[in-house]
Amino acid sequence: ARVQRPLWASTSTKNPQYNDVMYVEDLIGPDTVNTMPEQTITAFKDHG
């Protein structure tokens, strides 16, 4: 049997008053998958 990993889908931050990588930074863990739009990936690479 294999683990069915949790998927955090489209974790961009919609509210401009929030940290633009908050939904990525706060959901990092083993066996998880995070689908991010390109803008969020770029932001995370820069300051995540």
All heavy atoms as atom14 arrays in JSON, in Angstrom:
{
  "sequence": "ARVQRPLWASTSTKNPQYNDVMYVEDLIGPDTVNTMPEQTITAFKDHG",
  "atom14_mask": [
    [1, 1, 1, 1, 1, 0, 0, 0, 0, 0, 0, 0, 0, 0],
    [1, 1, 1, 1, 1, 1, 1, 1, 1, 1, 1, 0, 0, 0],
    [1, 1, 1, 1, 1, 1, 1, 0, 0, 0, 0, 0, 0, 0],
    [1, 1, 1, 1, 1, 1, 1, 1, 1, 0, 0, 0, 0, 0],
    [1, 1, 1, 1, 1, 1, 1, 1, 1, 1, 1, 0, 0, 0],
    [1, 1, 1, 1, 1, 1, 1, 0, 0, 0, 0, 0, 0, 0],
    [1, 1, 1, 1, 1, 1, 1, 1, 0, 0, 0, 0, 0, 0],
    [1, 1, 1, 1, 1, 1, 1, 1, 1, 1, 1, 1, 1, 1],
    [1, 1, 1, 1, 1, 0, 0, 0, 0, 0, 0, 0, 0, 0],
    [1, 1, 1, 1, 1, 1, 0, 0, 0, 0, 0, 0, 0, 0],
    [1, 1, 1, 1, 1, 1, 1, 0, 0, 0, 0, 0, 0, 0],
    [1, 1, 1, 1, 1, 1, 0, 0, 0, 0, 0, 0, 0, 0],
    [1, 1, 1, 1, 1, 1, 1, 0, 0, 0, 0, 0, 0, 0],
    [1, 1, 1, 1, 1, 1, 1, 1, 1, 0, 0, 0, 0, 0],
    [1, 1, 1, 1, 1, 1, 1, 1, 0, 0, 0, 0, 0, 0],
    [1, 1, 1, 1, 1, 1, 1, 0, 0, 0, 0, 0, 0, 0],
    [1, 1, 1, 1, 1, 1, 1, 1, 1, 0, 0, 0, 0, 0],
    [1, 1, 1, 1, 1, 1, 1, 1, 1, 1, 1, 1, 0, 0],
    [1, 1, 1, 1, 1, 1, 1, 1, 0, 0, 0, 0, 0, 0],
    [1, 1, 1, 1, 1, 1, 1, 1, 0, 0, 0, 0, 0, 0],
    [1, 1, 1, 1, 1, 1, 1, 0, 0, 0, 0, 0, 0, 0],
    [1, 1, 1, 1, 1, 1, 1, 1, 0, 0, 0, 0, 0, 0],
    [1, 1, 1, 1, 1, 1, 1, 1, 1, 1, 1, 1, 0, 0],
    [1, 1, 1, 1, 1, 1, 1, 0, 0, 0, 0, 0, 0, 0],
    [1, 1, 1, 1, 1, 1, 1, 1, 1, 0, 0, 0, 0, 0],
    [1, 1, 1, 1, 1, 1, 1, 1, 0, 0, 0, 0, 0, 0],
    [1, 1, 1, 1, 1, 1, 1, 1, 0, 0, 0, 0, 0, 0],
    [1, 1, 1, 1, 1, 1, 1, 1, 0, 0, 0, 0, 0, 0],
    [1, 1, 1, 1, 0, 0, 0, 0, 0, 0, 0, 0, 0, 0],
    [1, 1, 1, 1, 1, 1, 1, 0, 0, 0, 0, 0, 0, 0],
    [1, 1, 1, 1, 1, 1, 1, 1, 0, 0, 0, 0, 0, 0],
    [1, 1, 1, 1, 1, 1, 1, 0, 0, 0, 0, 0, 0, 0],
    [1, 1, 1, 1, 1, 1, 1, 0, 0, 0, 0, 0, 0, 0],
    [1, 1, 1, 1, 1, 1, 1, 1, 0, 0, 0, 0, 0, 0],
    [1, 1, 1, 1, 1, 1, 1, 0, 0, 0, 0, 0, 0, 0],
    [1, 1, 1, 1, 1, 1, 1, 1, 0, 0, 0, 0, 0, 0],
    [1, 1, 1, 1, 1, 1, 1, 0, 0, 0, 0, 0, 0, 0],
    [1, 1, 1, 1, 1, 1, 1, 1, 1, 0, 0, 0, 0, 0],
    [1, 1, 1, 1, 1, 1, 1, 1, 1, 0, 0, 0, 0, 0],
    [1, 1, 1, 1, 1, 1, 1, 0, 0, 0, 0, 0, 0, 0],
    [1, 1, 1, 1, 1, 1, 1, 1, 0, 0, 0, 0, 0, 0],
    [1, 1, 1, 1, 1, 1, 1, 0, 0, 0, 0, 0, 0, 0],
    [1, 1, 1, 1, 1, 0, 0, 0, 0, 0, 0, 0, 0, 0],
    [1, 1, 1, 1, 1, 1, 1, 1, 1, 1, 1, 0, 0, 0],
    [1, 1, 1, 1, 1, 1, 1, 1, 1, 0, 0, 0, 0, 0],
    [1, 1, 1, 1, 1, 1, 1, 1, 0, 0, 0, 0, 0, 0],
    [1, 1, 1, 1, 1, 1, 1, 1, 1, 1, 0, 0, 0, 0],
    [1, 1, 1, 1, 0, 0, 0, 0, 0, 0, 0, 0, 0, 0]
  ],
  "atom14_positions": [
    [[0.86, -1.19, 0.0], [0.0, 0.0, 0.0], [0.89, 1.24, 0.0], [1.99, 1.23, 0.55], [-0.9, 0.0, 1.22], [0.0, 0.0, 0.0], [0.0, 0.0, 0.0], [0.0, 0.0, 0.0], [0.0, 0.0, 0.0], [0.0, 0.0, 0.0], [0.0, 0.0, 0.0], [0.0, 0.0, 0.0], [0.0, 0.0, 0.0], [0.0, 0.0, 0.0]],
    [[0.39, 2.28, -0.65], [1.16, 3.52, -0.7], [0.38, 4.66, -0.05], [-0.86, 4.65, -0.04], [1.48, 3.88, -2.15], [2.42, 2.86, -2.78], [2.87, 3.27, -4.14], [1.73, 3.27, -5.07], [1.8, 3.67, -6.32], [2.93, 4.12, -6.81], [0.75, 3.62, -7.1], [0.0, 0.0, 0.0], [0.0, 0.0, 0.0], [0.0, 0.0, 0.0]],
    [[1.1, 5.61, 0.45], [0.5, 6.77, 1.11], [-0.22, 7.63, 0.07], [0.31, 7.87, -1.01], [1.6, 7.61, 1.8], [1.07, 8.94, 2.29], [2.22, 6.83, 2.95], [0.0, 0.0, 0.0], [0.0, 0.0, 0.0], [0.0, 0.0, 0.0], [0.0, 0.0, 0.0], [0.0, 0.0, 0.0], [0.0, 0.0, 0.0], [0.0, 0.0, 0.0]],
    [[-1.42, 8.05, 0.39], [-2.12, 9.02, -0.43], [-1.86, 10.39, 0.19], [-2.38, 10.72, 1.25], [-3.62, 8.74, -0.45], [-4.37, 9.68, -1.35], [-5.84, 9.36, -1.45], [-6.28, 8.28, -1.06], [-6.61, 10.29, -1.96], [0.0, 0.0, 0.0], [0.0, 0.0, 0.0], [0.0, 0.0, 0.0], [0.0, 0.0, 0.0], [0.0, 0.0, 0.0]],
    [[-1.01, 11.15, -0.46], [-0.51, 12.39, 0.12], [-1.54, 13.52, 0.06], [-2.26, 13.65, -0.92], [0.77, 12.82, -0.6], [1.85, 11.75, -0.49], [3.12, 12.14, -1.17], [2.93, 12.23, -2.62], [3.81, 12.8, -3.45], [4.91, 13.34, -2.99], [3.58, 12.83, -4.73], [0.0, 0.0, 0.0], [0.0, 0.0, 0.0], [0.0, 0.0, 0.0]],
    [[-1.58, 14.33, 1.11], [-2.45, 15.52, 1.06], [-1.97, 16.48, -0.02], [-0.77, 16.66, -0.23], [-2.26, 16.16, 2.44], [-1.69, 15.09, 3.3], [-0.91, 14.19, 2.39], [0.0, 0.0, 0.0], [0.0, 0.0, 0.0], [0.0, 0.0, 0.0], [0.0, 0.0, 0.0], [0.0, 0.0, 0.0], [0.0, 0.0, 0.0], [0.0, 0.0, 0.0]],
    [[-2.92, 17.07, -0.7], [-2.63, 18.03, -1.77], [-3.15, 19.39, -1.35], [-4.34, 19.56, -1.08], [-3.33, 17.6, -3.07], [-3.35, 18.62, -4.2], [-1.94, 18.88, -4.73], [-4.25, 18.14, -5.32], [0.0, 0.0, 0.0], [0.0, 0.0, 0.0], [0.0, 0.0, 0.0], [0.0, 0.0, 0.0], [0.0, 0.0, 0.0], [0.0, 0.0, 0.0]],
    [[-2.25, 20.35, -1.27], [-2.64, 21.74, -1.03], [-2.7, 22.37, -2.42], [-1.69, 22.53, -3.08], [-1.64, 22.46, -0.13], [-1.15, 21.68, 1.05], [0.15, 21.46, 1.4], [-1.91, 21.01, 2.06], [0.23, 20.71, 2.54], [-1.02, 20.41, 2.98], [-3.29, 20.85, 2.28], [-1.44, 19.68, 4.08], [-3.7, 20.11, 3.38], [-2.79, 19.55, 4.27]],
    [[-3.88, 22.72, -2.86], [-4.07, 23.13, -4.25], [-4.13, 24.65, -4.4], [-4.81, 25.33, -3.64], [-5.34, 22.52, -4.8], [0.0, 0.0, 0.0], [0.0, 0.0, 0.0], [0.0, 0.0, 0.0], [0.0, 0.0, 0.0], [0.0, 0.0, 0.0], [0.0, 0.0, 0.0], [0.0, 0.0, 0.0], [0.0, 0.0, 0.0], [0.0, 0.0, 0.0]],
    [[-3.41, 25.13, -5.38], [-3.42, 26.54, -5.77], [-3.27, 27.46, -4.57], [-4.14, 28.25, -4.24], [-4.71, 26.86, -6.53], [-4.6, 28.14, -7.11], [0.0, 0.0, 0.0], [0.0, 0.0, 0.0], [0.0, 0.0, 0.0], [0.0, 0.0, 0.0], [0.0, 0.0, 0.0], [0.0, 0.0, 0.0], [0.0, 0.0, 0.0], [0.0, 0.0, 0.0]],
    [[-2.13, 27.37, -3.93], [-1.9, 28.06, -2.66], [-1.36, 29.48, -2.83], [-0.5, 29.92, -2.07], [-0.96, 27.24, -1.77], [0.21, 26.93, -2.53], [-1.61, 26.0, -1.26], [0.0, 0.0, 0.0], [0.0, 0.0, 0.0], [0.0, 0.0, 0.0], [0.0, 0.0, 0.0], [0.0, 0.0, 0.0], [0.0, 0.0, 0.0], [0.0, 0.0, 0.0]],
    [[-1.87, 30.17, -3.8], [-1.5, 31.58, -3.92], [-2.27, 32.37, -2.87], [-3.33, 31.96, -2.4], [-1.81, 32.11, -5.31], [-3.2, 32.05, -5.55], [0.0, 0.0, 0.0], [0.0, 0.0, 0.0], [0.0, 0.0, 0.0], [0.0, 0.0, 0.0], [0.0, 0.0, 0.0], [0.0, 0.0, 0.0], [0.0, 0.0, 0.0], [0.0, 0.0, 0.0]],
    [[-1.73, 33.51, -2.49], [-2.4, 34.38, -1.52], [-3.23, 35.4, -2.29], [-2.69, 36.17, -3.07], [-1.35, 35.09, -0.64], [-0.53, 34.11, -0.03], [-2.02, 35.93, 0.42], [0.0, 0.0, 0.0], [0.0, 0.0, 0.0], [0.0, 0.0, 0.0], [0.0, 0.0, 0.0], [0.0, 0.0, 0.0], [0.0, 0.0, 0.0], [0.0, 0.0, 0.0]],
    [[-4.53, 35.35, -2.09], [-5.43, 36.23, -2.83], [-5.53, 37.62, -2.2], [-5.74, 38.61, -2.89], [-6.84, 35.63, -2.92], [-7.01, 34.53, -3.99], [-6.18, 33.33, -3.73], [-6.51, 32.16, -4.65], [-5.69, 31.01, -4.38], [0.0, 0.0, 0.0], [0.0, 0.0, 0.0], [0.0, 0.0, 0.0], [0.0, 0.0, 0.0], [0.0, 0.0, 0.0]],
    [[-5.4, 37.7, -0.89], [-5.52, 38.98, -0.19], [-4.16, 39.69, -0.19], [-3.2, 39.19, 0.4], [-5.99, 38.75, 1.24], [-6.3, 40.04, 1.98], [-5.73, 41.09, 1.7], [-7.21, 39.96, 2.93], [0.0, 0.0, 0.0], [0.0, 0.0, 0.0], [0.0, 0.0, 0.0], [0.0, 0.0, 0.0], [0.0, 0.0, 0.0], [0.0, 0.0, 0.0]],
    [[-4.05, 40.85, -0.82], [-2.77, 41.54, -0.9], [-2.24, 42.02, 0.44], [-1.06, 42.38, 0.56], [-3.05, 42.72, -1.85], [-4.51, 42.91, -1.84], [-5.12, 41.57, -1.52], [0.0, 0.0, 0.0], [0.0, 0.0, 0.0], [0.0, 0.0, 0.0], [0.0, 0.0, 0.0], [0.0, 0.0, 0.0], [0.0, 0.0, 0.0], [0.0, 0.0, 0.0]],
    [[-3.08, 42.01, 1.48], [-2.62, 42.42, 2.81], [-1.88, 41.29, 3.54], [-1.26, 41.53, 4.57], [-3.8, 42.9, 3.65], [-4.45, 44.15, 3.09], [-5.65, 44.6, 3.91], [-5.96, 44.04, 4.95], [-6.34, 45.61, 3.42], [0.0, 0.0, 0.0], [0.0, 0.0, 0.0], [0.0, 0.0, 0.0], [0.0, 0.0, 0.0], [0.0, 0.0, 0.0]],
    [[-1.95, 40.08, 3.0], [-1.29, 38.94, 3.62], [0.07, 38.71, 2.98], [0.32, 39.09, 1.83], [-2.12, 37.66, 3.45], [-3.48, 37.65, 4.1], [-4.41, 36.71, 3.73], [-3.85, 38.58, 5.07], [-5.68, 36.67, 4.3], [-5.1, 38.54, 5.65], [-6.01, 37.6, 5.27], [-7.25, 37.56, 5.84], [0.0, 0.0, 0.0], [0.0, 0.0, 0.0]],
    [[0.93, 38.01, 3.7], [2.21, 37.56, 3.17], [1.94, 36.73, 1.91], [1.13, 35.81, 1.94], [2.92, 36.74, 4.25], [4.21, 36.11, 3.81], [4.51, 36.02, 2.62], [4.99, 35.69, 4.78], [0.0, 0.0, 0.0], [0.0, 0.0, 0.0], [0.0, 0.0, 0.0], [0.0, 0.0, 0.0], [0.0, 0.0, 0.0], [0.0, 0.0, 0.0]],
    [[2.63, 37.04, 0.84], [2.35, 36.38, -0.44], [2.75, 34.91, -0.51], [2.44, 34.22, -1.47], [2.97, 37.16, -1.6], [4.48, 37.26, -1.54], [5.09, 36.91, -0.51], [5.06, 37.71, -2.54], [0.0, 0.0, 0.0], [0.0, 0.0, 0.0], [0.0, 0.0, 0.0], [0.0, 0.0, 0.0], [0.0, 0.0, 0.0], [0.0, 0.0, 0.0]],
    [[3.43, 34.41, 0.51], [3.8, 32.99, 0.53], [3.29, 32.28, 1.79], [3.71, 31.17, 2.1], [5.34, 32.8, 0.38], [5.8, 33.25, -0.99], [6.1, 33.51, 1.48], [0.0, 0.0, 0.0], [0.0, 0.0, 0.0], [0.0, 0.0, 0.0], [0.0, 0.0, 0.0], [0.0, 0.0, 0.0], [0.0, 0.0, 0.0], [0.0, 0.0, 0.0]],
    [[2.36, 32.89, 2.49], [1.9, 32.33, 3.76], [1.29, 30.93, 3.62], [1.48, 30.08, 4.47], [0.94, 33.27, 4.48], [-0.41, 33.44, 3.8], [-1.44, 34.7, 4.58], [-2.23, 33.75, 5.86], [0.0, 0.0, 0.0], [0.0, 0.0, 0.0], [0.0, 0.0, 0.0], [0.0, 0.0, 0.0], [0.0, 0.0, 0.0], [0.0, 0.0, 0.0]],
    [[0.55, 30.69, 2.54], [-0.09, 29.39, 2.38], [0.89, 28.31, 1.92], [0.57, 27.13, 1.96], [-1.27, 29.47, 1.4], [-2.36, 30.37, 1.93], [-2.62, 31.6, 1.34], [-3.12, 30.0, 3.03], [-3.62, 32.44, 1.82], [-4.12, 30.83, 3.53], [-4.35, 32.05, 2.93], [-5.33, 32.87, 3.42], [0.0, 0.0, 0.0], [0.0, 0.0, 0.0]],
    [[2.06, 28.72, 1.51], [3.12, 27.77, 1.19], [3.95, 27.52, 2.44], [4.14, 26.38, 2.86], [4.01, 28.29, 0.03], [5.14, 27.31, -0.24], [3.19, 28.54, -1.21], [0.0, 0.0, 0.0], [0.0, 0.0, 0.0], [0.0, 0.0, 0.0], [0.0, 0.0, 0.0], [0.0, 0.0, 0.0], [0.0, 0.0, 0.0], [0.0, 0.0, 0.0]],
    [[4.42, 28.59, 3.05], [5.29, 28.47, 4.22], [4.63, 27.72, 5.37], [5.3, 26.97, 6.07], [5.73, 29.85, 4.71], [6.75, 30.5, 3.84], [7.24, 31.83, 4.39], [6.48, 32.52, 5.09], [8.39, 32.16, 4.1], [0.0, 0.0, 0.0], [0.0, 0.0, 0.0], [0.0, 0.0, 0.0], [0.0, 0.0, 0.0], [0.0, 0.0, 0.0]],
    [[3.34, 27.91, 5.57], [2.67, 27.31, 6.72], [2.17, 25.89, 6.49], [1.59, 25.29, 7.39], [1.5, 28.19, 7.17], [1.96, 29.48, 7.82], [3.13, 29.53, 8.27], [1.17, 30.44, 7.88], [0.0, 0.0, 0.0], [0.0, 0.0, 0.0], [0.0, 0.0, 0.0], [0.0, 0.0, 0.0], [0.0, 0.0, 0.0], [0.0, 0.0, 0.0]],
    [[2.4, 25.34, 5.29], [1.9, 24.0, 4.99], [3.01, 23.08, 4.47], [2.77, 22.19, 3.67], [0.76, 24.08, 3.97], [-0.49, 24.81, 4.46], [-1.52, 24.93, 3.35], [-1.08, 24.14, 5.69], [0.0, 0.0, 0.0], [0.0, 0.0, 0.0], [0.0, 0.0, 0.0], [0.0, 0.0, 0.0], [0.0, 0.0, 0.0], [0.0, 0.0, 0.0]],
    [[4.23, 23.27, 4.95], [5.35, 22.44, 4.52], [5.47, 21.25, 5.46], [5.51, 21.4, 6.68], [6.67, 23.25, 4.53], [6.58, 24.41, 3.54], [7.85, 22.34, 4.21], [7.74, 25.37, 3.6], [0.0, 0.0, 0.0], [0.0, 0.0, 0.0], [0.0, 0.0, 0.0], [0.0, 0.0, 0.0], [0.0, 0.0, 0.0], [0.0, 0.0, 0.0]],
    [[5.5, 20.06, 4.87], [5.65, 18.86, 5.67], [5.85, 17.63, 4.82], [5.61, 17.65, 3.61], [0.0, 0.0, 0.0], [0.0, 0.0, 0.0], [0.0, 0.0, 0.0], [0.0, 0.0, 0.0], [0.0, 0.0, 0.0], [0.0, 0.0, 0.0], [0.0, 0.0, 0.0], [0.0, 0.0, 0.0], [0.0, 0.0, 0.0], [0.0, 0.0, 0.0]],
    [[6.29, 16.56, 5.44], [6.52, 15.31, 4.72], [5.25, 14.78, 4.06], [4.15, 14.92, 4.59], [6.97, 14.34, 5.82], [7.41, 15.18, 6.96], [6.62, 16.45, 6.87], [0.0, 0.0, 0.0], [0.0, 0.0, 0.0], [0.0, 0.0, 0.0], [0.0, 0.0, 0.0], [0.0, 0.0, 0.0], [0.0, 0.0, 0.0], [0.0, 0.0, 0.0]],
    [[5.42, 14.2, 2.9], [4.35, 13.51, 2.17], [3.23, 14.45, 1.72], [2.1, 14.01, 1.51], [3.74, 12.37, 3.01], [4.74, 11.26, 3.22], [5.41, 10.87, 2.26], [4.87, 10.78, 4.37], [0.0, 0.0, 0.0], [0.0, 0.0, 0.0], [0.0, 0.0, 0.0], [0.0, 0.0, 0.0], [0.0, 0.0, 0.0], [0.0, 0.0, 0.0]],
    [[3.51, 15.75, 1.58], [2.5, 16.66, 1.09], [2.86, 17.12, -0.33], [4.02, 17.06, -0.73], [2.36, 17.92, 1.98], [3.6, 18.63, 1.99], [1.97, 17.54, 3.4], [0.0, 0.0, 0.0], [0.0, 0.0, 0.0], [0.0, 0.0, 0.0], [0.0, 0.0, 0.0], [0.0, 0.0, 0.0], [0.0, 0.0, 0.0], [0.0, 0.0, 0.0]],
    [[1.84, 17.55, -1.06], [2.02, 18.08, -2.4], [1.4, 19.48, -2.4], [0.3, 19.67, -1.88], [1.31, 17.21, -3.46], [1.44, 17.81, -4.85], [1.84, 15.79, -3.43], [0.0, 0.0, 0.0], [0.0, 0.0, 0.0], [0.0, 0.0, 0.0], [0.0, 0.0, 0.0], [0.0, 0.0, 0.0], [0.0, 0.0, 0.0], [0.0, 0.0, 0.0]],
    [[2.09, 20.43, -2.98], [1.59, 21.8, -3.03], [1.62, 22.28, -4.47], [2.69, 22.35, -5.07], [2.44, 22.7, -2.13], [1.83, 24.06, -1.93], [1.16, 24.59, -2.8], [2.08, 24.63, -0.76], [0.0, 0.0, 0.0], [0.0, 0.0, 0.0], [0.0, 0.0, 0.0], [0.0, 0.0, 0.0], [0.0, 0.0, 0.0], [0.0, 0.0, 0.0]],
    [[0.46, 22.58, -5.02], [0.42, 23.12, -6.39], [0.33, 24.63, -6.3], [-0.6, 25.16, -5.72], [-0.77, 22.56, -7.2], [-1.99, 22.98, -6.58], [-0.71, 21.05, -7.27], [0.0, 0.0, 0.0], [0.0, 0.0, 0.0], [0.0, 0.0, 0.0], [0.0, 0.0, 0.0], [0.0, 0.0, 0.0], [0.0, 0.0, 0.0], [0.0, 0.0, 0.0]],
    [[1.33, 25.28, -6.85], [1.41, 26.74, -6.76], [1.41, 27.36, -8.14], [2.05, 26.85, -9.05], [2.72, 27.15, -6.08], [2.86, 26.71, -4.65], [4.52, 27.08, -4.03], [5.32, 25.5, -4.32], [0.0, 0.0, 0.0], [0.0, 0.0, 0.0], [0.0, 0.0, 0.0], [0.0, 0.0, 0.0], [0.0, 0.0, 0.0], [0.0, 0.0, 0.0]],
    [[0.75, 28.51, -8.28], [0.87, 29.25, -9.52], [2.3, 29.79, -9.65], [3.01, 29.95, -8.67], [-0.13, 30.38, -9.38], [-0.75, 30.26, -8.05], [-0.16, 29.11, -7.33], [0.0, 0.0, 0.0], [0.0, 0.0, 0.0], [0.0, 0.0, 0.0], [0.0, 0.0, 0.0], [0.0, 0.0, 0.0], [0.0, 0.0, 0.0], [0.0, 0.0, 0.0]],
    [[2.68, 30.09, -10.87], [4.06, 30.54, -11.13], [4.45, 31.75, -10.28], [5.57, 31.82, -9.78], [4.22, 30.85, -12.62], [5.66, 31.1, -13.0], [5.86, 31.22, -14.5], [4.98, 30.8, -15.27], [6.9, 31.76, -14.89], [0.0, 0.0, 0.0], [0.0, 0.0, 0.0], [0.0, 0.0, 0.0], [0.0, 0.0, 0.0], [0.0, 0.0, 0.0]],
    [[3.54, 32.67, -10.11], [3.84, 33.88, -9.32], [4.21, 33.52, -7.88], [5.12, 34.11, -7.3], [2.62, 34.8, -9.35], [2.77, 36.06, -8.54], [1.5, 36.92, -8.6], [0.64, 36.74, -9.44], [1.4, 37.86, -7.69], [0.0, 0.0, 0.0], [0.0, 0.0, 0.0], [0.0, 0.0, 0.0], [0.0, 0.0, 0.0], [0.0, 0.0, 0.0]],
    [[3.53, 32.54, -7.31], [3.81, 32.13, -5.94], [5.14, 31.38, -5.87], [5.91, 31.56, -4.92], [2.66, 31.26, -5.4], [1.45, 32.01, -5.49], [2.89, 30.86, -3.95], [0.0, 0.0, 0.0], [0.0, 0.0, 0.0], [0.0, 0.0, 0.0], [0.0, 0.0, 0.0], [0.0, 0.0, 0.0], [0.0, 0.0, 0.0], [0.0, 0.0, 0.0]],
    [[5.43, 30.56, -6.87], [6.72, 29.87, -6.92], [7.85, 30.89, -6.96], [8.84, 30.77, -6.22], [6.79, 28.92, -8.14], [5.81, 27.77, -7.98], [8.22, 28.4, -8.33], [5.62, 26.93, -9.23], [0.0, 0.0, 0.0], [0.0, 0.0, 0.0], [0.0, 0.0, 0.0], [0.0, 0.0, 0.0], [0.0, 0.0, 0.0], [0.0, 0.0, 0.0]],
    [[7.71, 31.9, -7.8], [8.73, 32.94, -7.92], [8.9, 33.67, -6.59], [10.03, 33.9, -6.14], [8.35, 33.94, -9.04], [8.23, 33.21, -10.26], [9.38, 35.03, -9.18], [0.0, 0.0, 0.0], [0.0, 0.0, 0.0], [0.0, 0.0, 0.0], [0.0, 0.0, 0.0], [0.0, 0.0, 0.0], [0.0, 0.0, 0.0], [0.0, 0.0, 0.0]],
    [[7.8, 34.02, -5.96], [7.87, 34.71, -4.67], [8.53, 33.83, -3.61], [9.37, 34.3, -2.83], [6.46, 35.12, -4.21], [0.0, 0.0, 0.0], [0.0, 0.0, 0.0], [0.0, 0.0, 0.0], [0.0, 0.0, 0.0], [0.0, 0.0, 0.0], [0.0, 0.0, 0.0], [0.0, 0.0, 0.0], [0.0, 0.0, 0.0], [0.0, 0.0, 0.0]],
    [[8.18, 32.54, -3.59], [8.76, 31.64, -2.6], [10.26, 31.48, -2.83], [11.04, 31.47, -1.89], [8.06, 30.28, -2.6], [8.47, 29.43, -1.44], [7.93, 29.65, -0.19], [9.41, 28.43, -1.59], [8.31, 28.88, 0.9], [9.81, 27.66, -0.52], [9.25, 27.88, 0.74], [0.0, 0.0, 0.0], [0.0, 0.0, 0.0], [0.0, 0.0, 0.0]],
    [[10.67, 31.36, -4.09], [12.1, 31.27, -4.39], [12.83, 32.51, -3.9], [13.96, 32.44, -3.44], [12.33, 31.13, -5.9], [12.09, 29.75, -6.44], [12.33, 29.79, -7.95], [12.44, 28.46, -8.58], [12.63, 28.55, -10.04], [0.0, 0.0, 0.0], [0.0, 0.0, 0.0], [0.0, 0.0, 0.0], [0.0, 0.0, 0.0], [0.0, 0.0, 0.0]],
    [[12.17, 33.66, -4.01], [12.79, 34.93, -3.64], [12.9, 35.12, -2.13], [13.94, 35.52, -1.62], [11.99, 36.09, -4.25], [12.55, 37.44, -3.86], [13.72, 37.71, -4.22], [11.84, 38.22, -3.18], [0.0, 0.0, 0.0], [0.0, 0.0, 0.0], [0.0, 0.0, 0.0], [0.0, 0.0, 0.0], [0.0, 0.0, 0.0], [0.0, 0.0, 0.0]],
    [[11.81, 34.85, -1.39], [11.84, 35.19, 0.04], [11.1, 34.19, 0.94], [10.85, 34.49, 2.1], [11.27, 36.6, 0.26], [9.91, 36.79, -0.33], [9.73, 37.21, -1.63], [8.67, 36.64, 0.19], [8.44, 37.3, -1.88], [7.78, 36.96, -0.79], [0.0, 0.0, 0.0], [0.0, 0.0, 0.0], [0.0, 0.0, 0.0], [0.0, 0.0, 0.0]],
    [[10.81, 33.01, 0.42], [10.16, 32.0, 1.25], [11.15, 31.31, 2.17], [12.35, 31.29, 1.92], [0.0, 0.0, 0.0], [0.0, 0.0, 0.0], [0.0, 0.0, 0.0], [0.0, 0.0, 0.0], [0.0, 0.0, 0.0], [0.0, 0.0, 0.0], [0.0, 0.0, 0.0], [0.0, 0.0, 0.0], [0.0, 0.0, 0.0], [0.0, 0.0, 0.0]]
  ]
}
